[in-house]
N, C-alpha and C. Protein backbone atom coordinates (compact mmCIF):
# COMPACT_ATOMS: atom_id res chain seq x y z
N MET A 1 0.83 -1.17 0.00
CA MET A 1 0.00 0.00 0.00
C MET A 1 0.88 1.25 0.00
N ALA A 2 0.38 2.35 -0.62
CA ALA A 2 1.17 3.57 -0.76
C ALA A 2 1.12 4.36 0.54
N GLN A 3 2.15 5.15 0.69
CA GLN A 3 2.21 5.99 1.89
C GLN A 3 1.34 7.24 1.70
N PRO A 4 0.68 7.71 2.77
CA PRO A 4 -0.13 8.93 2.65
C PRO A 4 0.76 10.16 2.45
N ILE A 5 0.18 11.11 1.72
CA ILE A 5 0.91 12.35 1.47
C ILE A 5 0.78 13.22 2.72
N THR A 6 1.88 13.61 3.26
CA THR A 6 1.86 14.44 4.47
C THR A 6 2.47 15.81 4.23
N PHE A 7 3.13 15.97 3.10
CA PHE A 7 3.79 17.25 2.83
C PHE A 7 3.59 17.60 1.36
N ILE A 8 3.11 18.83 1.11
CA ILE A 8 2.94 19.31 -0.27
C ILE A 8 3.97 20.40 -0.49
N GLN A 9 4.76 20.19 -1.49
CA GLN A 9 5.79 21.17 -1.78
C GLN A 9 5.26 22.13 -2.84
N LYS A 10 5.20 23.40 -2.47
CA LYS A 10 4.72 24.44 -3.39
C LYS A 10 5.92 25.02 -4.11
N LYS A 11 5.76 25.12 -5.43
CA LYS A 11 6.86 25.66 -6.22
C LYS A 11 6.86 27.19 -6.08
N VAL A 12 7.91 27.73 -5.57
CA VAL A 12 8.08 29.18 -5.41
C VAL A 12 8.87 29.69 -6.59
N LEU A 13 8.26 30.66 -7.28
CA LEU A 13 8.91 31.21 -8.47
C LEU A 13 9.97 32.23 -8.06
N THR A 14 11.04 32.26 -8.80
CA THR A 14 12.07 33.26 -8.56
C THR A 14 11.60 34.58 -9.15
N ALA A 15 12.31 35.64 -8.83
CA ALA A 15 11.96 36.96 -9.34
C ALA A 15 12.03 36.98 -10.87
N GLU A 16 13.00 36.30 -11.43
CA GLU A 16 13.14 36.25 -12.89
C GLU A 16 11.97 35.49 -13.52
N GLU A 17 11.57 34.40 -12.88
CA GLU A 17 10.45 33.62 -13.40
C GLU A 17 9.14 34.40 -13.31
N LEU A 18 8.96 35.12 -12.19
CA LEU A 18 7.77 35.98 -12.05
C LEU A 18 7.74 37.05 -13.13
N GLN A 19 8.88 37.66 -13.36
CA GLN A 19 8.96 38.70 -14.38
C GLN A 19 8.66 38.12 -15.76
N GLN A 20 9.19 36.95 -16.05
CA GLN A 20 8.94 36.32 -17.34
C GLN A 20 7.47 35.96 -17.49
N GLN A 21 6.85 35.48 -16.40
CA GLN A 21 5.42 35.13 -16.43
C GLN A 21 4.57 36.38 -16.71
N LYS A 22 4.92 37.49 -16.05
CA LYS A 22 4.18 38.74 -16.27
C LYS A 22 4.37 39.25 -17.70
N LEU A 23 5.57 39.12 -18.23
CA LEU A 23 5.82 39.52 -19.62
C LEU A 23 4.99 38.67 -20.59
N ASP A 24 4.90 37.37 -20.33
CA ASP A 24 4.10 36.49 -21.18
C ASP A 24 2.63 36.89 -21.14
N GLU A 25 2.12 37.20 -19.93
CA GLU A 25 0.72 37.64 -19.79
C GLU A 25 0.49 38.94 -20.54
N LEU A 26 1.45 39.87 -20.42
CA LEU A 26 1.34 41.15 -21.11
C LEU A 26 1.37 40.97 -22.63
N LYS A 27 2.20 40.08 -23.12
CA LYS A 27 2.26 39.80 -24.56
C LYS A 27 0.92 39.27 -25.06
N SER A 28 0.32 38.37 -24.29
CA SER A 28 -0.96 37.81 -24.74
C SER A 28 -2.06 38.88 -24.69
N LEU A 29 -2.04 39.73 -23.69
CA LEU A 29 -3.02 40.83 -23.64
C LEU A 29 -2.84 41.77 -24.81
N LEU A 30 -1.60 42.10 -25.13
CA LEU A 30 -1.33 42.99 -26.26
C LEU A 30 -1.81 42.38 -27.57
N SER A 31 -1.59 41.11 -27.76
CA SER A 31 -2.00 40.48 -29.01
C SER A 31 -3.53 40.34 -29.07
N GLU A 32 -4.18 40.12 -27.94
CA GLU A 32 -5.65 39.99 -27.93
C GLU A 32 -6.34 41.34 -28.17
N ASN A 33 -5.71 42.43 -27.76
CA ASN A 33 -6.33 43.77 -27.84
C ASN A 33 -5.58 44.68 -28.78
N GLU A 34 -5.06 44.14 -29.85
CA GLU A 34 -4.23 44.92 -30.77
C GLU A 34 -5.00 46.09 -31.39
N GLU A 35 -6.23 45.84 -31.83
CA GLU A 35 -7.02 46.90 -32.48
C GLU A 35 -7.31 48.05 -31.52
N ALA A 36 -7.72 47.70 -30.30
CA ALA A 36 -8.03 48.74 -29.30
C ALA A 36 -6.77 49.54 -28.96
N LEU A 37 -5.65 48.85 -28.82
CA LEU A 37 -4.39 49.55 -28.51
C LEU A 37 -3.96 50.47 -29.64
N ASN A 38 -4.16 50.04 -30.89
CA ASN A 38 -3.82 50.90 -32.03
C ASN A 38 -4.67 52.17 -32.02
N LYS A 39 -5.97 52.01 -31.73
CA LYS A 39 -6.85 53.19 -31.66
C LYS A 39 -6.41 54.11 -30.52
N LEU A 40 -6.10 53.52 -29.36
CA LEU A 40 -5.67 54.31 -28.21
C LEU A 40 -4.39 55.08 -28.53
N MET A 41 -3.45 54.43 -29.16
CA MET A 41 -2.20 55.09 -29.51
C MET A 41 -2.44 56.20 -30.54
N GLY A 42 -3.39 55.98 -31.45
CA GLY A 42 -3.74 57.02 -32.42
C GLY A 42 -4.32 58.25 -31.73
N ILE A 43 -5.20 58.01 -30.75
CA ILE A 43 -5.79 59.12 -30.00
C ILE A 43 -4.72 59.88 -29.23
N VAL A 44 -3.84 59.15 -28.57
CA VAL A 44 -2.76 59.79 -27.81
C VAL A 44 -1.86 60.59 -28.76
N GLY A 45 -1.58 60.05 -29.93
CA GLY A 45 -0.77 60.78 -30.91
C GLY A 45 -1.44 62.07 -31.35
N GLN A 46 -2.74 62.02 -31.61
CA GLN A 46 -3.46 63.23 -32.01
C GLN A 46 -3.49 64.25 -30.88
N LEU A 47 -3.70 63.79 -29.64
CA LEU A 47 -3.67 64.70 -28.50
C LEU A 47 -2.29 65.37 -28.36
N ASN A 48 -1.26 64.62 -28.63
CA ASN A 48 0.08 65.19 -28.57
C ASN A 48 0.30 66.19 -29.69
N ASP A 49 -0.19 65.86 -30.89
CA ASP A 49 -0.01 66.76 -32.04
C ASP A 49 -0.68 68.11 -31.83
N ILE A 50 -1.85 68.14 -31.19
CA ILE A 50 -2.54 69.42 -31.00
C ILE A 50 -2.13 70.11 -29.70
N GLY A 51 -1.23 69.50 -28.94
CA GLY A 51 -0.67 70.16 -27.77
C GLY A 51 -1.40 69.89 -26.46
N VAL A 52 -2.39 69.01 -26.48
CA VAL A 52 -3.15 68.74 -25.26
C VAL A 52 -2.26 68.05 -24.22
N LEU A 53 -1.46 67.12 -24.64
CA LEU A 53 -0.60 66.41 -23.69
C LEU A 53 0.44 67.34 -23.08
N GLY A 54 0.97 68.24 -23.88
CA GLY A 54 1.93 69.22 -23.35
C GLY A 54 1.27 70.14 -22.33
N ALA A 55 0.05 70.57 -22.65
CA ALA A 55 -0.67 71.44 -21.71
C ALA A 55 -0.99 70.69 -20.43
N ALA A 56 -1.43 69.44 -20.55
CA ALA A 56 -1.74 68.65 -19.36
C ALA A 56 -0.49 68.43 -18.52
N HIS A 57 0.62 68.18 -19.18
CA HIS A 57 1.89 67.99 -18.46
C HIS A 57 2.27 69.28 -17.72
N SER A 58 2.12 70.42 -18.37
CA SER A 58 2.45 71.70 -17.73
C SER A 58 1.54 71.97 -16.54
N ILE A 59 0.25 71.64 -16.69
CA ILE A 59 -0.69 71.83 -15.58
C ILE A 59 -0.29 70.96 -14.40
N ILE A 60 0.07 69.72 -14.67
CA ILE A 60 0.47 68.82 -13.59
C ILE A 60 1.73 69.33 -12.90
N GLN A 61 2.67 69.84 -13.70
CA GLN A 61 3.91 70.36 -13.12
C GLN A 61 3.66 71.61 -12.28
N SER A 62 2.64 72.40 -12.64
CA SER A 62 2.35 73.66 -11.95
C SER A 62 1.14 73.56 -11.03
N LYS A 63 0.76 72.38 -10.62
CA LYS A 63 -0.48 72.20 -9.85
C LYS A 63 -0.50 73.02 -8.57
N GLU A 64 0.64 73.15 -7.89
CA GLU A 64 0.65 73.93 -6.65
C GLU A 64 0.41 75.40 -6.92
N LYS A 65 1.05 75.94 -7.96
CA LYS A 65 0.86 77.34 -8.32
C LYS A 65 -0.58 77.60 -8.75
N ILE A 66 -1.14 76.69 -9.56
CA ILE A 66 -2.52 76.83 -10.04
C ILE A 66 -3.49 76.78 -8.86
N THR A 67 -3.26 75.86 -7.94
CA THR A 67 -4.13 75.75 -6.76
C THR A 67 -4.06 77.02 -5.93
N LYS A 68 -2.87 77.56 -5.76
CA LYS A 68 -2.70 78.79 -4.98
C LYS A 68 -3.47 79.94 -5.63
N VAL A 69 -3.34 80.09 -6.94
CA VAL A 69 -4.04 81.17 -7.65
C VAL A 69 -5.56 80.98 -7.54
N ALA A 70 -6.01 79.73 -7.73
CA ALA A 70 -7.46 79.45 -7.65
C ALA A 70 -7.99 79.78 -6.26
N LEU A 71 -7.27 79.38 -5.23
CA LEU A 71 -7.72 79.68 -3.86
C LEU A 71 -7.72 81.18 -3.59
N GLU A 72 -6.73 81.90 -4.11
CA GLU A 72 -6.70 83.36 -3.93
C GLU A 72 -7.91 83.99 -4.61
N GLN A 73 -8.27 83.50 -5.80
CA GLN A 73 -9.40 84.07 -6.52
C GLN A 73 -10.72 83.76 -5.82
N VAL A 74 -10.86 82.54 -5.32
CA VAL A 74 -12.11 82.14 -4.66
C VAL A 74 -12.29 82.86 -3.34
N SER A 75 -11.20 83.19 -2.67
CA SER A 75 -11.32 83.82 -1.36
C SER A 75 -11.46 85.34 -1.43
N ARG A 76 -11.48 85.91 -2.63
CA ARG A 76 -11.70 87.36 -2.77
C ARG A 76 -13.11 87.71 -2.31
N GLU A 77 -13.28 88.93 -1.79
CA GLU A 77 -14.56 89.34 -1.23
C GLU A 77 -15.71 89.27 -2.23
N PRO A 78 -15.56 89.72 -3.48
CA PRO A 78 -16.70 89.60 -4.40
C PRO A 78 -17.16 88.15 -4.59
N VAL A 79 -16.20 87.24 -4.64
CA VAL A 79 -16.56 85.83 -4.84
C VAL A 79 -17.25 85.28 -3.61
N THR A 80 -16.73 85.60 -2.42
CA THR A 80 -17.38 85.11 -1.20
C THR A 80 -18.77 85.73 -1.06
N ASN A 81 -18.91 87.00 -1.44
CA ASN A 81 -20.24 87.62 -1.42
C ASN A 81 -21.20 86.89 -2.36
N LEU A 82 -20.72 86.58 -3.56
CA LEU A 82 -21.54 85.85 -4.52
C LEU A 82 -21.97 84.50 -3.97
N LEU A 83 -21.03 83.77 -3.36
CA LEU A 83 -21.36 82.47 -2.79
C LEU A 83 -22.39 82.61 -1.67
N ASN A 84 -22.23 83.63 -0.83
CA ASN A 84 -23.20 83.84 0.25
C ASN A 84 -24.58 84.19 -0.30
N VAL A 85 -24.62 85.02 -1.33
CA VAL A 85 -25.90 85.38 -1.95
C VAL A 85 -26.55 84.14 -2.56
N LEU A 86 -25.76 83.34 -3.27
CA LEU A 86 -26.30 82.12 -3.88
C LEU A 86 -26.83 81.16 -2.83
N MET A 87 -26.12 81.02 -1.72
CA MET A 87 -26.59 80.14 -0.66
C MET A 87 -27.88 80.67 -0.05
N GLY A 88 -27.97 81.98 0.17
CA GLY A 88 -29.19 82.57 0.71
C GLY A 88 -30.35 82.43 -0.25
N ALA A 89 -30.09 82.70 -1.53
CA ALA A 89 -31.15 82.58 -2.53
C ALA A 89 -31.60 81.13 -2.67
N THR A 90 -30.66 80.22 -2.63
CA THR A 90 -31.01 78.80 -2.73
C THR A 90 -31.88 78.39 -1.55
N GLY A 91 -31.52 78.84 -0.36
CA GLY A 91 -32.32 78.53 0.82
C GLY A 91 -33.73 79.08 0.71
N ALA A 92 -33.85 80.31 0.21
CA ALA A 92 -35.17 80.93 0.05
C ALA A 92 -35.99 80.20 -1.02
N ILE A 93 -35.36 79.85 -2.12
CA ILE A 93 -36.07 79.16 -3.20
C ILE A 93 -36.54 77.78 -2.74
N MET A 94 -35.74 77.12 -1.88
CA MET A 94 -36.12 75.80 -1.40
C MET A 94 -37.37 75.86 -0.52
N GLN A 95 -37.65 77.03 0.06
CA GLN A 95 -38.85 77.17 0.88
C GLN A 95 -40.08 77.48 0.05
N ALA A 96 -39.90 77.88 -1.20
CA ALA A 96 -41.02 78.27 -2.04
C ALA A 96 -41.79 77.04 -2.52
N ASP A 97 -43.08 77.24 -2.74
CA ASP A 97 -43.93 76.18 -3.28
C ASP A 97 -43.58 75.99 -4.76
N PRO A 98 -43.17 74.79 -5.16
CA PRO A 98 -42.73 74.59 -6.54
C PRO A 98 -43.82 74.89 -7.57
N HIS A 99 -45.06 74.54 -7.26
CA HIS A 99 -46.14 74.78 -8.24
C HIS A 99 -46.40 76.27 -8.39
N ALA A 100 -46.39 77.00 -7.28
CA ALA A 100 -46.61 78.45 -7.36
C ALA A 100 -45.45 79.11 -8.09
N THR A 101 -44.23 78.67 -7.79
CA THR A 101 -43.06 79.25 -8.46
C THR A 101 -43.11 78.99 -9.96
N GLU A 102 -43.47 77.77 -10.35
CA GLU A 102 -43.57 77.43 -11.77
C GLU A 102 -44.62 78.30 -12.45
N LYS A 103 -45.75 78.50 -11.77
CA LYS A 103 -46.84 79.30 -12.34
C LYS A 103 -46.39 80.76 -12.53
N VAL A 104 -45.68 81.31 -11.53
CA VAL A 104 -45.22 82.70 -11.63
C VAL A 104 -44.19 82.83 -12.75
N VAL A 105 -43.28 81.86 -12.86
CA VAL A 105 -42.24 81.94 -13.90
C VAL A 105 -42.86 81.83 -15.29
N LYS A 106 -43.79 80.87 -15.47
CA LYS A 106 -44.45 80.74 -16.77
C LYS A 106 -45.25 81.98 -17.11
N SER A 107 -45.95 82.54 -16.12
CA SER A 107 -46.73 83.76 -16.35
C SER A 107 -45.82 84.93 -16.70
N SER A 108 -44.66 85.01 -16.04
CA SER A 108 -43.71 86.08 -16.33
C SER A 108 -43.18 85.96 -17.75
N ILE A 109 -42.92 84.74 -18.19
CA ILE A 109 -42.43 84.53 -19.56
C ILE A 109 -43.49 84.95 -20.56
N ALA A 110 -44.74 84.58 -20.29
CA ALA A 110 -45.84 84.99 -21.18
C ALA A 110 -45.95 86.50 -21.20
N GLY A 111 -45.78 87.13 -20.02
CA GLY A 111 -45.81 88.60 -19.95
C GLY A 111 -44.69 89.23 -20.74
N LEU A 112 -43.52 88.64 -20.70
CA LEU A 112 -42.38 89.17 -21.47
C LEU A 112 -42.66 89.09 -22.96
N HIS A 113 -43.27 87.99 -23.40
CA HIS A 113 -43.60 87.87 -24.83
C HIS A 113 -44.60 88.95 -25.25
N ALA A 114 -45.63 89.15 -24.42
CA ALA A 114 -46.63 90.18 -24.73
C ALA A 114 -45.99 91.57 -24.72
N ALA A 115 -45.10 91.83 -23.77
CA ALA A 115 -44.44 93.13 -23.68
C ALA A 115 -43.56 93.37 -24.91
N ASN A 116 -42.87 92.33 -25.38
CA ASN A 116 -42.04 92.48 -26.57
C ASN A 116 -42.89 92.75 -27.81
N GLU A 117 -44.06 92.12 -27.88
CA GLU A 117 -44.97 92.39 -29.00
C GLU A 117 -45.38 93.86 -28.98
N HIS A 118 -45.67 94.39 -27.78
CA HIS A 118 -46.06 95.80 -27.68
C HIS A 118 -44.92 96.71 -28.10
N LEU A 119 -43.69 96.36 -27.70
CA LEU A 119 -42.54 97.18 -28.08
C LEU A 119 -42.37 97.22 -29.59
N ASN A 120 -42.65 96.12 -30.25
CA ASN A 120 -42.51 96.07 -31.70
C ASN A 120 -43.62 96.82 -32.42
N SER A 121 -44.76 97.04 -31.75
CA SER A 121 -45.88 97.70 -32.40
C SER A 121 -45.75 99.22 -32.42
N ASN A 122 -44.93 99.79 -31.56
CA ASN A 122 -44.72 101.24 -31.46
C ASN A 122 -46.01 102.02 -31.17
N LYS A 123 -46.98 101.39 -30.49
CA LYS A 123 -48.21 102.09 -30.12
C LYS A 123 -47.98 102.88 -28.85
N LYS A 124 -48.58 104.06 -28.79
CA LYS A 124 -48.47 104.91 -27.61
C LYS A 124 -49.61 104.55 -26.65
N VAL A 125 -49.31 104.50 -25.36
CA VAL A 125 -50.31 104.21 -24.34
C VAL A 125 -50.67 105.52 -23.67
N GLY A 126 -51.97 105.85 -23.70
CA GLY A 126 -52.43 107.09 -23.09
C GLY A 126 -53.10 106.83 -21.74
N ALA A 127 -53.47 107.91 -21.07
CA ALA A 127 -54.10 107.81 -19.76
C ALA A 127 -55.45 107.11 -19.87
N ARG A 128 -56.18 107.38 -20.95
CA ARG A 128 -57.47 106.73 -21.16
C ARG A 128 -57.32 105.22 -21.33
N ASP A 129 -56.26 104.83 -22.05
CA ASP A 129 -55.99 103.41 -22.25
C ASP A 129 -55.75 102.71 -20.92
N ILE A 130 -55.06 103.39 -20.01
CA ILE A 130 -54.79 102.81 -18.69
C ILE A 130 -56.10 102.62 -17.93
N MET A 131 -57.00 103.60 -17.98
CA MET A 131 -58.27 103.49 -17.27
C MET A 131 -59.11 102.35 -17.86
N LYS A 132 -59.08 102.18 -19.18
CA LYS A 132 -59.86 101.13 -19.82
C LYS A 132 -59.36 99.73 -19.45
N VAL A 133 -58.05 99.58 -19.41
CA VAL A 133 -57.51 98.25 -19.18
C VAL A 133 -57.71 97.77 -17.76
N LEU A 134 -58.04 98.67 -16.84
CA LEU A 134 -58.29 98.22 -15.47
C LEU A 134 -59.50 97.30 -15.40
N ASN A 135 -60.41 97.40 -16.39
CA ASN A 135 -61.57 96.52 -16.43
C ASN A 135 -61.25 95.17 -17.07
N ASP A 136 -60.10 95.06 -17.71
CA ASP A 136 -59.69 93.80 -18.32
C ASP A 136 -59.36 92.80 -17.20
N PRO A 137 -60.00 91.61 -17.18
CA PRO A 137 -59.78 90.66 -16.08
C PRO A 137 -58.32 90.18 -15.98
N ASP A 138 -57.62 90.04 -17.10
CA ASP A 138 -56.22 89.60 -17.04
C ASP A 138 -55.34 90.66 -16.38
N ILE A 139 -55.54 91.90 -16.75
CA ILE A 139 -54.75 92.99 -16.15
C ILE A 139 -55.14 93.17 -14.69
N ASN A 140 -56.41 93.07 -14.38
CA ASN A 140 -56.86 93.20 -13.00
C ASN A 140 -56.24 92.09 -12.14
N ARG A 141 -56.17 90.89 -12.69
CA ARG A 141 -55.56 89.77 -11.96
C ARG A 141 -54.08 90.06 -11.70
N SER A 142 -53.38 90.58 -12.70
CA SER A 142 -51.95 90.89 -12.55
C SER A 142 -51.72 92.00 -11.55
N ILE A 143 -52.55 93.02 -11.61
CA ILE A 143 -52.41 94.14 -10.66
C ILE A 143 -52.70 93.65 -9.24
N GLY A 144 -53.74 92.85 -9.07
CA GLY A 144 -54.04 92.30 -7.75
C GLY A 144 -52.90 91.44 -7.24
N PHE A 145 -52.34 90.62 -8.13
CA PHE A 145 -51.20 89.79 -7.76
C PHE A 145 -50.04 90.66 -7.30
N GLY A 146 -49.75 91.71 -8.07
CA GLY A 146 -48.64 92.60 -7.74
C GLY A 146 -48.86 93.32 -6.42
N ILE A 147 -50.08 93.78 -6.18
CA ILE A 147 -50.38 94.49 -4.92
C ILE A 147 -50.19 93.54 -3.74
N HIS A 148 -50.72 92.33 -3.85
CA HIS A 148 -50.60 91.40 -2.73
C HIS A 148 -49.16 90.88 -2.57
N PHE A 149 -48.46 90.79 -3.67
CA PHE A 149 -47.05 90.43 -3.61
C PHE A 149 -46.28 91.48 -2.83
N LEU A 150 -46.51 92.75 -3.17
CA LEU A 150 -45.82 93.84 -2.48
C LEU A 150 -46.22 93.91 -1.00
N LYS A 151 -47.49 93.63 -0.71
CA LYS A 151 -47.95 93.65 0.68
C LYS A 151 -47.25 92.55 1.48
N GLY A 152 -47.20 91.35 0.94
CA GLY A 152 -46.52 90.24 1.63
C GLY A 152 -45.04 90.51 1.80
N MET A 153 -44.42 91.08 0.78
CA MET A 153 -43.01 91.40 0.86
C MET A 153 -42.77 92.46 1.93
N GLY A 154 -43.65 93.45 1.99
CA GLY A 154 -43.53 94.50 3.00
C GLY A 154 -43.66 93.94 4.41
N LYS A 155 -44.58 93.02 4.62
CA LYS A 155 -44.75 92.39 5.93
C LYS A 155 -43.49 91.63 6.32
N ALA A 156 -42.94 90.89 5.38
CA ALA A 156 -41.73 90.12 5.65
C ALA A 156 -40.55 91.03 5.93
N LEU A 157 -40.47 92.15 5.23
CA LEU A 157 -39.38 93.11 5.47
C LEU A 157 -39.50 93.72 6.86
N LYS A 158 -40.74 93.96 7.29
CA LYS A 158 -40.97 94.55 8.62
C LYS A 158 -40.55 93.57 9.70
N ASN A 159 -40.84 92.30 9.53
CA ASN A 159 -40.51 91.29 10.52
C ASN A 159 -39.00 91.04 10.62
N ASP A 160 -38.32 91.18 9.54
CA ASP A 160 -36.87 90.94 9.57
C ASP A 160 -36.17 92.16 10.12
């Protein structure tokens, strides 16, 4: 009867053998993906020809200087004021009712179109025309909206 196996000897590759094995794997990958590699090399060549690679290399070499300039620009008072205004406006807009906001924006766009049509017509608006249009339900609705908008805004300004 045969003796039981009690020891398994694992073959340990030398550094040269590992390197040769990796080179063989790389050769097979290169041969399997020849078309893709040719396209990639063509793209890299074109990027180099138009100067993109040189510019990217220069940016990488100057990354600390570029970062310093960018931080100096962002920390300027006008930029920080802009960021603070944007954050405040964003906070206020997030509190607004989306349906009401959409309705006001769409109505404003329609109003802009009508106003542009009037500008192109070169018609003069007289005092009598203003008195007549107050009876128009669309204008009355807009005036009422504007009055109540101003009233609500005034109340909010008083509270702040």
